[in-house]
């Protein structure tokens, strides 16, 4: 988890598009979310978050292959405190455990 989330940033997520789409409803919580193709719009109070993603070639480490999804986050009309609160929950729902 980060201590600050800018209005626009990109992430390289280790997941398939199907996994991402299954996580998204719980990750956004009670905020209305509309998915269209490889984009989603999330209403955050008076503002919004625009998400766009693109499947990338898998990351290969020795014999291990990890799926990759490039995700762009664009907040508009959302305060720094609101971004932090939203992303704190979002990050918890999209983290993968290790062992």
N, C-alpha and C. Protein backbone atom coordinates (compact mmCIF):
# COMPACT_ATOMS: atom_id res chain seq x y z
N UNK A 1 0.84 -1.18 0.00
CA UNK A 1 0.00 0.00 0.00
C UNK A 1 0.88 1.24 0.00
N UNK A 2 0.47 2.21 -0.73
CA UNK A 2 1.21 3.46 -0.85
C UNK A 2 0.69 4.47 0.17
N UNK A 3 1.49 5.52 0.40
CA UNK A 3 1.04 6.58 1.29
C UNK A 3 0.37 7.72 0.52
N UNK A 4 0.54 7.73 -0.81
CA UNK A 4 -0.04 8.78 -1.65
C UNK A 4 -0.40 8.18 -3.00
N UNK A 5 -1.52 8.58 -3.55
CA UNK A 5 -1.97 8.14 -4.87
C UNK A 5 -2.21 9.37 -5.73
N UNK A 6 -1.41 9.57 -6.79
CA UNK A 6 -1.62 10.74 -7.65
C UNK A 6 -2.92 10.60 -8.44
N UNK A 7 -3.30 11.67 -9.13
CA UNK A 7 -4.54 11.65 -9.91
C UNK A 7 -4.47 10.67 -11.07
N UNK A 8 -3.28 10.47 -11.63
CA UNK A 8 -3.10 9.56 -12.75
C UNK A 8 -1.86 8.70 -12.50
N UNK A 9 -2.00 7.40 -12.66
CA UNK A 9 -0.86 6.49 -12.55
C UNK A 9 -1.16 5.19 -13.27
N UNK A 10 -0.12 4.42 -13.50
CA UNK A 10 -0.26 3.13 -14.17
C UNK A 10 0.33 2.04 -13.29
N UNK A 11 -0.23 0.84 -13.45
CA UNK A 11 0.26 -0.32 -12.71
C UNK A 11 0.39 -1.50 -13.64
N UNK A 12 1.34 -2.35 -13.33
CA UNK A 12 1.53 -3.62 -14.01
C UNK A 12 1.00 -4.67 -13.04
N UNK A 13 -0.18 -5.22 -13.31
CA UNK A 13 -0.83 -6.16 -12.41
C UNK A 13 -0.54 -7.60 -12.86
N UNK A 14 -0.26 -8.46 -11.90
CA UNK A 14 0.02 -9.88 -12.20
C UNK A 14 -1.28 -10.67 -12.14
N UNK A 15 -2.10 -10.50 -13.16
CA UNK A 15 -3.38 -11.20 -13.22
C UNK A 15 -3.85 -11.29 -14.66
N UNK A 16 -4.78 -12.19 -14.89
CA UNK A 16 -5.41 -12.27 -16.20
C UNK A 16 -6.55 -11.25 -16.25
N UNK A 17 -7.05 -10.98 -17.43
CA UNK A 17 -8.19 -10.07 -17.55
C UNK A 17 -9.41 -10.66 -16.85
N UNK A 18 -9.61 -11.97 -16.93
CA UNK A 18 -10.75 -12.62 -16.27
C UNK A 18 -10.64 -12.46 -14.75
N UNK A 19 -9.45 -12.62 -14.19
CA UNK A 19 -9.27 -12.42 -12.74
C UNK A 19 -9.57 -10.97 -12.37
N UNK A 20 -9.02 -10.03 -13.14
CA UNK A 20 -9.25 -8.60 -12.90
C UNK A 20 -10.74 -8.28 -12.87
N UNK A 21 -11.48 -8.79 -13.85
CA UNK A 21 -12.91 -8.52 -13.92
C UNK A 21 -13.67 -9.16 -12.78
N UNK A 22 -13.19 -10.28 -12.26
CA UNK A 22 -13.86 -10.90 -11.10
C UNK A 22 -13.55 -10.15 -9.81
N UNK A 23 -12.38 -9.51 -9.72
CA UNK A 23 -12.00 -8.74 -8.52
C UNK A 23 -12.67 -7.38 -8.49
N UNK A 24 -12.89 -6.78 -9.64
CA UNK A 24 -13.31 -5.38 -9.74
C UNK A 24 -14.56 -5.05 -8.92
N UNK A 25 -15.65 -5.81 -9.00
CA UNK A 25 -16.84 -5.43 -8.23
C UNK A 25 -16.60 -5.33 -6.71
N UNK A 26 -15.87 -6.27 -6.15
CA UNK A 26 -15.59 -6.21 -4.71
C UNK A 26 -14.56 -5.14 -4.39
N UNK A 27 -13.61 -4.92 -5.29
CA UNK A 27 -12.57 -3.92 -5.04
C UNK A 27 -13.13 -2.50 -4.99
N UNK A 28 -14.15 -2.21 -5.81
CA UNK A 28 -14.73 -0.86 -5.81
C UNK A 28 -15.80 -0.68 -4.73
N UNK A 29 -16.20 -1.77 -4.09
CA UNK A 29 -17.17 -1.70 -3.00
C UNK A 29 -18.53 -1.20 -3.46
N UNK A 30 -19.09 -0.27 -2.72
CA UNK A 30 -20.44 0.23 -2.99
C UNK A 30 -20.47 1.29 -4.09
N UNK A 31 -19.31 1.67 -4.62
CA UNK A 31 -19.27 2.70 -5.66
C UNK A 31 -19.80 2.14 -6.98
N UNK A 32 -20.69 2.86 -7.65
CA UNK A 32 -21.21 2.40 -8.95
C UNK A 32 -20.07 2.25 -9.95
N UNK A 33 -20.08 1.15 -10.67
CA UNK A 33 -19.02 0.85 -11.64
C UNK A 33 -19.65 0.35 -12.92
N UNK A 34 -19.23 0.93 -14.04
CA UNK A 34 -19.72 0.51 -15.34
C UNK A 34 -18.53 0.06 -16.18
N UNK A 35 -18.56 -1.20 -16.62
CA UNK A 35 -17.48 -1.77 -17.43
C UNK A 35 -17.93 -1.81 -18.88
N UNK A 36 -17.08 -1.29 -19.77
CA UNK A 36 -17.33 -1.33 -21.21
C UNK A 36 -16.03 -1.75 -21.88
N UNK A 37 -16.00 -2.96 -22.40
CA UNK A 37 -14.79 -3.46 -23.04
C UNK A 37 -13.65 -3.53 -22.05
N UNK A 38 -12.54 -2.89 -22.36
CA UNK A 38 -11.36 -2.89 -21.49
C UNK A 38 -11.25 -1.58 -20.72
N UNK A 39 -12.41 -1.04 -20.33
CA UNK A 39 -12.45 0.19 -19.54
C UNK A 39 -13.55 0.10 -18.51
N UNK A 40 -13.39 0.86 -17.44
CA UNK A 40 -14.43 0.96 -16.43
C UNK A 40 -14.47 2.38 -15.89
N UNK A 41 -15.66 2.80 -15.53
CA UNK A 41 -15.85 4.11 -14.91
C UNK A 41 -16.47 3.86 -13.54
N UNK A 42 -15.82 4.41 -12.50
CA UNK A 42 -16.26 4.24 -11.12
C UNK A 42 -16.64 5.61 -10.58
N UNK A 43 -17.87 5.76 -10.08
CA UNK A 43 -18.31 7.03 -9.47
C UNK A 43 -17.83 7.07 -8.04
N UNK A 44 -17.13 8.14 -7.70
CA UNK A 44 -16.62 8.35 -6.34
C UNK A 44 -17.14 9.68 -5.83
N UNK A 45 -18.32 9.66 -5.23
CA UNK A 45 -18.94 10.90 -4.78
C UNK A 45 -19.22 11.79 -5.97
N UNK A 46 -18.69 13.02 -5.94
CA UNK A 46 -18.88 13.96 -7.05
C UNK A 46 -17.87 13.73 -8.17
N UNK A 47 -16.87 12.89 -7.92
CA UNK A 47 -15.83 12.64 -8.91
C UNK A 47 -15.94 11.25 -9.52
N UNK A 48 -14.87 10.87 -10.20
CA UNK A 48 -14.87 9.56 -10.83
C UNK A 48 -13.46 9.03 -11.00
N UNK A 49 -13.39 7.73 -11.22
CA UNK A 49 -12.15 7.05 -11.56
C UNK A 49 -12.37 6.35 -12.88
N UNK A 50 -11.49 6.63 -13.84
CA UNK A 50 -11.53 5.96 -15.13
C UNK A 50 -10.41 4.94 -15.13
N UNK A 51 -10.76 3.68 -15.39
CA UNK A 51 -9.78 2.59 -15.48
C UNK A 51 -9.71 2.11 -16.92
N UNK A 52 -8.52 1.83 -17.38
CA UNK A 52 -8.34 1.25 -18.71
C UNK A 52 -7.23 0.22 -18.59
N UNK A 53 -7.41 -0.94 -19.23
CA UNK A 53 -6.42 -2.01 -19.11
C UNK A 53 -6.13 -2.65 -20.45
N UNK A 54 -4.96 -3.28 -20.50
CA UNK A 54 -4.49 -3.92 -21.72
C UNK A 54 -3.68 -5.15 -21.33
N UNK A 55 -4.01 -6.28 -21.92
CA UNK A 55 -3.27 -7.51 -21.66
C UNK A 55 -1.86 -7.38 -22.23
N UNK A 56 -0.87 -7.75 -21.43
CA UNK A 56 0.53 -7.69 -21.82
C UNK A 56 1.10 -9.11 -21.92
N UNK A 57 2.23 -9.28 -22.58
CA UNK A 57 2.87 -10.60 -22.60
C UNK A 57 3.22 -11.01 -21.17
N UNK A 58 3.20 -12.30 -20.88
CA UNK A 58 3.49 -12.74 -19.51
C UNK A 58 4.93 -12.40 -19.11
N UNK A 59 5.11 -12.20 -17.82
CA UNK A 59 6.45 -12.00 -17.25
C UNK A 59 7.02 -13.40 -17.02
N UNK A 60 8.22 -13.64 -17.52
CA UNK A 60 8.85 -14.95 -17.39
C UNK A 60 10.04 -14.83 -16.45
N UNK A 61 10.02 -15.64 -15.38
CA UNK A 61 11.10 -15.71 -14.41
C UNK A 61 11.49 -17.18 -14.31
N UNK A 62 12.64 -17.52 -14.88
CA UNK A 62 13.07 -18.92 -14.96
C UNK A 62 11.97 -19.72 -15.65
N UNK A 63 11.41 -20.72 -14.97
CA UNK A 63 10.35 -21.53 -15.57
C UNK A 63 8.94 -21.02 -15.23
N UNK A 64 8.87 -19.95 -14.49
CA UNK A 64 7.58 -19.42 -14.06
C UNK A 64 7.10 -18.35 -15.05
N UNK A 65 5.82 -18.41 -15.36
CA UNK A 65 5.19 -17.41 -16.24
C UNK A 65 4.05 -16.75 -15.47
N UNK A 66 4.11 -15.43 -15.35
CA UNK A 66 3.07 -14.67 -14.65
C UNK A 66 2.27 -13.85 -15.65
N UNK A 67 0.95 -13.93 -15.59
CA UNK A 67 0.15 -13.08 -16.48
C UNK A 67 0.37 -11.61 -16.11
N UNK A 68 0.17 -10.74 -17.09
CA UNK A 68 0.35 -9.30 -16.84
C UNK A 68 -0.79 -8.52 -17.47
N UNK A 69 -1.21 -7.52 -16.72
CA UNK A 69 -2.25 -6.61 -17.20
C UNK A 69 -1.76 -5.20 -16.88
N UNK A 70 -1.65 -4.35 -17.89
CA UNK A 70 -1.29 -2.94 -17.67
C UNK A 70 -2.59 -2.19 -17.39
N UNK A 71 -2.65 -1.52 -16.25
CA UNK A 71 -3.87 -0.82 -15.84
C UNK A 71 -3.54 0.66 -15.60
N UNK A 72 -4.34 1.52 -16.19
CA UNK A 72 -4.18 2.97 -16.02
C UNK A 72 -5.34 3.49 -15.15
N UNK A 73 -4.99 4.26 -14.13
CA UNK A 73 -5.95 4.85 -13.19
C UNK A 73 -5.95 6.36 -13.43
N UNK A 74 -7.14 6.93 -13.68
CA UNK A 74 -7.26 8.38 -13.86
C UNK A 74 -8.42 8.86 -12.98
N UNK A 75 -8.07 9.57 -11.91
CA UNK A 75 -9.08 10.15 -11.02
C UNK A 75 -9.38 11.57 -11.49
N UNK A 76 -10.63 11.98 -11.42
CA UNK A 76 -10.98 13.37 -11.68
C UNK A 76 -12.05 13.80 -10.68
N UNK A 77 -11.82 14.97 -10.09
CA UNK A 77 -12.75 15.49 -9.10
C UNK A 77 -12.74 14.71 -7.80
N UNK A 78 -11.63 14.04 -7.49
CA UNK A 78 -11.51 13.22 -6.28
C UNK A 78 -10.34 13.76 -5.46
N UNK A 79 -10.59 14.11 -4.20
CA UNK A 79 -9.54 14.68 -3.36
C UNK A 79 -8.47 13.64 -3.02
N UNK A 80 -7.34 14.12 -2.56
CA UNK A 80 -6.24 13.24 -2.16
C UNK A 80 -6.69 12.26 -1.07
N UNK A 81 -7.45 12.74 -0.09
CA UNK A 81 -7.93 11.87 0.99
C UNK A 81 -8.90 10.82 0.47
N UNK A 82 -9.78 11.21 -0.46
CA UNK A 82 -10.72 10.25 -1.06
C UNK A 82 -10.00 9.21 -1.91
N UNK A 83 -8.98 9.65 -2.65
CA UNK A 83 -8.19 8.70 -3.45
C UNK A 83 -7.51 7.68 -2.54
N UNK A 84 -6.93 8.18 -1.45
CA UNK A 84 -6.24 7.28 -0.51
C UNK A 84 -7.21 6.26 0.08
N UNK A 85 -8.36 6.72 0.54
CA UNK A 85 -9.34 5.81 1.15
C UNK A 85 -9.82 4.77 0.15
N UNK A 86 -10.11 5.20 -1.08
CA UNK A 86 -10.56 4.27 -2.10
C UNK A 86 -9.47 3.25 -2.43
N UNK A 87 -8.25 3.72 -2.68
CA UNK A 87 -7.17 2.84 -3.10
C UNK A 87 -6.72 1.90 -1.98
N UNK A 88 -6.87 2.31 -0.74
CA UNK A 88 -6.54 1.42 0.38
C UNK A 88 -7.41 0.16 0.29
N UNK A 89 -8.69 0.34 0.10
CA UNK A 89 -9.59 -0.81 -0.04
C UNK A 89 -9.30 -1.57 -1.34
N UNK A 90 -9.13 -0.83 -2.44
CA UNK A 90 -8.88 -1.44 -3.74
C UNK A 90 -7.64 -2.33 -3.69
N UNK A 91 -6.57 -1.81 -3.11
CA UNK A 91 -5.32 -2.57 -3.01
C UNK A 91 -5.49 -3.84 -2.18
N UNK A 92 -6.24 -3.76 -1.10
CA UNK A 92 -6.45 -4.95 -0.26
C UNK A 92 -7.22 -6.03 -1.03
N UNK A 93 -8.15 -5.64 -1.86
CA UNK A 93 -8.95 -6.62 -2.61
C UNK A 93 -8.22 -7.19 -3.83
N UNK A 94 -7.20 -6.49 -4.31
CA UNK A 94 -6.50 -6.98 -5.50
C UNK A 94 -5.12 -7.54 -5.20
N UNK A 95 -4.73 -7.59 -3.93
CA UNK A 95 -3.44 -8.19 -3.58
C UNK A 95 -3.51 -9.69 -3.69
N UNK A 96 -2.38 -10.25 -4.06
CA UNK A 96 -2.25 -11.70 -4.07
C UNK A 96 -1.39 -12.09 -2.88
N UNK A 97 -1.74 -13.20 -2.27
CA UNK A 97 -0.94 -13.71 -1.15
C UNK A 97 0.23 -14.52 -1.65
N UNK A 98 1.20 -14.66 -0.84
CA UNK A 98 2.37 -15.48 -1.17
C UNK A 98 2.62 -16.47 -0.05
N UNK A 99 3.53 -17.36 -0.29
CA UNK A 99 3.76 -18.32 0.78
C UNK A 99 5.04 -19.05 0.66
